[in-house]
Protein backbone atom coordinates (compact mmCIF):
# COMPACT_ATOMS: atom_id res chain seq x y z
CA UNK A 1 0.01 -4.31 -29.16
CA UNK A 2 -2.05 -7.14 -30.63
CA UNK A 3 -1.01 -10.73 -29.98
CA UNK A 4 1.16 -12.13 -32.78
CA UNK A 5 -0.13 -15.23 -34.56
CA UNK A 6 2.25 -17.62 -36.33
CA UNK A 7 0.84 -19.68 -39.17
CA UNK A 8 2.02 -21.77 -42.10
CA UNK A 9 2.27 -19.95 -45.39
CA UNK A 10 -0.02 -21.05 -48.23
CA UNK A 11 0.20 -20.78 -51.99
CA UNK A 12 -2.18 -17.80 -51.74
CA UNK A 13 0.53 -15.95 -49.77
CA UNK A 14 3.05 -16.07 -52.64
CA UNK A 15 2.48 -12.48 -53.85
CA UNK A 16 3.12 -11.15 -50.33
CA UNK A 17 6.05 -13.52 -49.85
CA UNK A 18 7.61 -12.20 -53.07
CA UNK A 19 7.41 -8.69 -51.55
CA UNK A 20 9.10 -9.96 -48.38
CA UNK A 21 11.72 -11.69 -50.55
CA UNK A 22 12.54 -8.39 -52.22
CA UNK A 23 12.94 -6.90 -48.74
CA UNK A 24 15.49 -9.59 -47.91
CA UNK A 25 17.33 -8.99 -51.18
CA UNK A 26 17.37 -5.21 -50.62
CA UNK A 27 18.73 -5.70 -47.09
CA UNK A 28 21.42 -8.14 -48.25
CA UNK A 29 22.49 -6.40 -51.45
CA UNK A 30 24.98 -4.07 -49.67
CA UNK A 31 26.76 -7.15 -48.28
CA UNK A 32 27.03 -9.07 -51.57
CA UNK A 33 28.38 -7.45 -54.72
CA UNK A 34 28.02 -10.75 -56.59
CA UNK A 35 24.23 -10.46 -56.78
CA UNK A 36 22.75 -9.86 -60.22
CA UNK A 37 20.84 -6.68 -60.90
CA UNK A 38 17.14 -6.71 -60.06
CA UNK A 39 14.87 -8.44 -60.58
CA UNK A 40 16.12 -11.59 -58.85
CA UNK A 41 14.47 -14.21 -56.66
CA UNK A 42 16.08 -16.27 -53.92
CA UNK A 43 13.42 -18.81 -53.01
CA UNK A 44 11.39 -21.58 -54.61
CA UNK A 45 8.28 -20.57 -52.69
CA UNK A 46 5.91 -23.26 -54.02
CA UNK A 47 8.44 -25.90 -52.93
CA UNK A 48 8.94 -24.32 -49.49
CA UNK A 49 5.17 -24.29 -49.00
CA UNK A 50 4.37 -27.76 -50.33
CA UNK A 51 7.35 -29.92 -49.36
CA UNK A 52 6.88 -32.15 -46.32
CA UNK A 53 10.52 -31.40 -45.48
CA UNK A 54 10.05 -27.66 -45.19
CA UNK A 55 8.04 -25.36 -42.97
CA UNK A 56 7.46 -21.77 -44.14
CA UNK A 57 5.90 -19.55 -41.51
CA UNK A 58 4.33 -16.11 -41.39
CA UNK A 59 3.83 -14.06 -38.26
CA UNK A 60 0.70 -11.93 -38.36
CA UNK A 61 -0.51 -8.94 -36.38
CA UNK A 62 -4.24 -8.24 -36.70
CA UNK A 63 -4.36 -10.58 -39.70
CA UNK A 64 -1.53 -8.81 -41.53
CA UNK A 65 1.73 -10.75 -42.13
CA UNK A 66 4.75 -8.85 -40.81
CA UNK A 67 7.49 -11.51 -40.55
CA UNK A 68 8.57 -14.76 -42.17
CA UNK A 69 11.02 -17.63 -41.95
CA UNK A 70 11.44 -21.23 -43.03
CA UNK A 71 13.15 -24.42 -41.99
CA UNK A 72 14.07 -27.09 -44.52
CA UNK A 73 15.37 -30.52 -43.60
CA UNK A 74 18.64 -31.27 -45.42
CA UNK A 75 20.93 -34.28 -45.49
CA UNK A 76 24.12 -33.59 -43.56
CA UNK A 77 27.58 -34.28 -44.90
CA UNK A 78 28.60 -37.91 -44.36
CA UNK A 79 31.30 -36.90 -41.90
CA UNK A 80 28.95 -35.07 -39.50
CA UNK A 81 27.59 -36.75 -36.38
CA UNK A 82 24.03 -35.83 -37.30
CA UNK A 83 22.45 -37.32 -40.43
CA UNK A 84 20.14 -34.38 -41.10
CA UNK A 85 19.86 -30.76 -40.07
CA UNK A 86 17.33 -27.99 -40.61
CA UNK A 87 18.50 -25.09 -42.73
CA UNK A 88 16.79 -21.83 -41.77
CA UNK A 89 16.21 -18.97 -44.16
CA UNK A 90 13.91 -16.19 -45.35
CA UNK A 91 14.11 -14.55 -41.93
CA UNK A 92 12.40 -11.22 -42.61
CA UNK A 93 10.49 -8.65 -40.59
CA UNK A 94 8.92 -5.60 -42.20
CA UNK A 95 10.91 -2.51 -41.20
CA UNK A 96 8.26 -0.88 -39.00
CA UNK A 97 8.06 -4.04 -36.82
CA UNK A 98 11.77 -4.74 -36.35
CA UNK A 99 13.12 -4.88 -32.82
CA UNK A 100 9.89 -6.31 -31.38
CA UNK A 101 11.13 -9.89 -31.04
CA UNK A 102 9.21 -11.31 -33.99
CA UNK A 103 12.31 -12.91 -35.50
CA UNK A 104 12.85 -14.70 -32.18
CA UNK A 105 9.25 -16.00 -32.22
CA UNK A 106 9.68 -17.35 -35.75
CA UNK A 107 13.02 -18.92 -34.80
CA UNK A 108 11.44 -20.63 -31.79
CA UNK A 109 8.55 -21.98 -33.87
CA UNK A 110 10.99 -23.32 -36.49
CA UNK A 111 13.14 -24.84 -33.75
CA UNK A 112 10.11 -26.56 -32.25
CA UNK A 113 9.04 -27.91 -35.68
CA UNK A 114 12.57 -29.16 -36.37
CA UNK A 115 12.86 -30.81 -32.96
CA UNK A 116 9.50 -32.50 -33.57
CA UNK A 117 10.97 -33.99 -36.74
CA UNK A 118 13.91 -35.47 -34.82
CA UNK A 119 16.35 -32.78 -35.91
CA UNK A 120 19.12 -31.88 -33.46
CA UNK A 121 21.08 -29.36 -35.53
CA UNK A 122 20.02 -26.01 -37.04
CA UNK A 123 22.05 -24.19 -39.68
CA UNK A 124 21.74 -20.80 -41.36
CA UNK A 125 23.85 -18.39 -43.35
CA UNK A 126 24.37 -14.72 -42.60
CA UNK A 127 26.70 -12.16 -44.17
CA UNK A 128 29.64 -11.51 -41.86
CA UNK A 129 29.10 -7.73 -42.02
CA UNK A 130 25.39 -7.99 -41.18
CA UNK A 131 25.93 -7.34 -37.49
CA UNK A 132 22.25 -6.77 -36.56
CA UNK A 133 21.34 -10.20 -37.98
CA UNK A 134 24.31 -11.85 -36.31
CA UNK A 135 23.33 -10.36 -32.93
CA UNK A 136 19.76 -11.59 -33.40
CA UNK A 137 20.88 -15.13 -34.20
CA UNK A 138 23.39 -15.17 -31.34
CA UNK A 139 20.61 -14.01 -29.00
CA UNK A 140 18.63 -17.05 -30.15
CA UNK A 141 21.54 -19.37 -29.32
CA UNK A 142 23.39 -19.66 -32.63
CA UNK A 143 27.16 -19.37 -32.73
CA UNK A 144 29.59 -18.67 -35.54
CA UNK A 145 30.72 -21.89 -37.16
CA UNK A 146 32.55 -21.46 -40.45
CA UNK A 147 33.47 -18.62 -42.76
CA UNK A 148 32.94 -19.13 -46.48
CA UNK A 149 35.57 -17.33 -48.51
CA UNK A 150 35.52 -16.23 -52.13
CA UNK A 151 37.72 -14.53 -54.67
CA UNK A 152 36.66 -12.96 -57.92
CA UNK A 153 39.16 -13.54 -60.72
């Protein structure tokens, strides 16, 4: 297998990133009946690419992007010990390359970037029924923290 290369996303990657985004939405739709009908978008990609407080990465094999993820520095709640944390999102691997550890490589690169910015806390959200994603994040060192509850009325 070729050596994976991790690089920062650019504005020229937006069409491909929109395809990845639809992959995320398709994967998450079974877990969230509150999502609108397609077409929808989750991410402000130009902001994630251009903001100095975010880091959007692509993992490539032979020059072809196959995985993505971002970290964005956010202000923590005033009652937390840390003043800022990095929120991680857009963790996506194309189906034919899942299970090869690419998500872990992206997570490590985002962790390293966050640590380099003085961040000591990483946060992310995952649907409670998305067991494959939960296992992947737990393998990377994340632990369950809080459950968000909802009620339609």
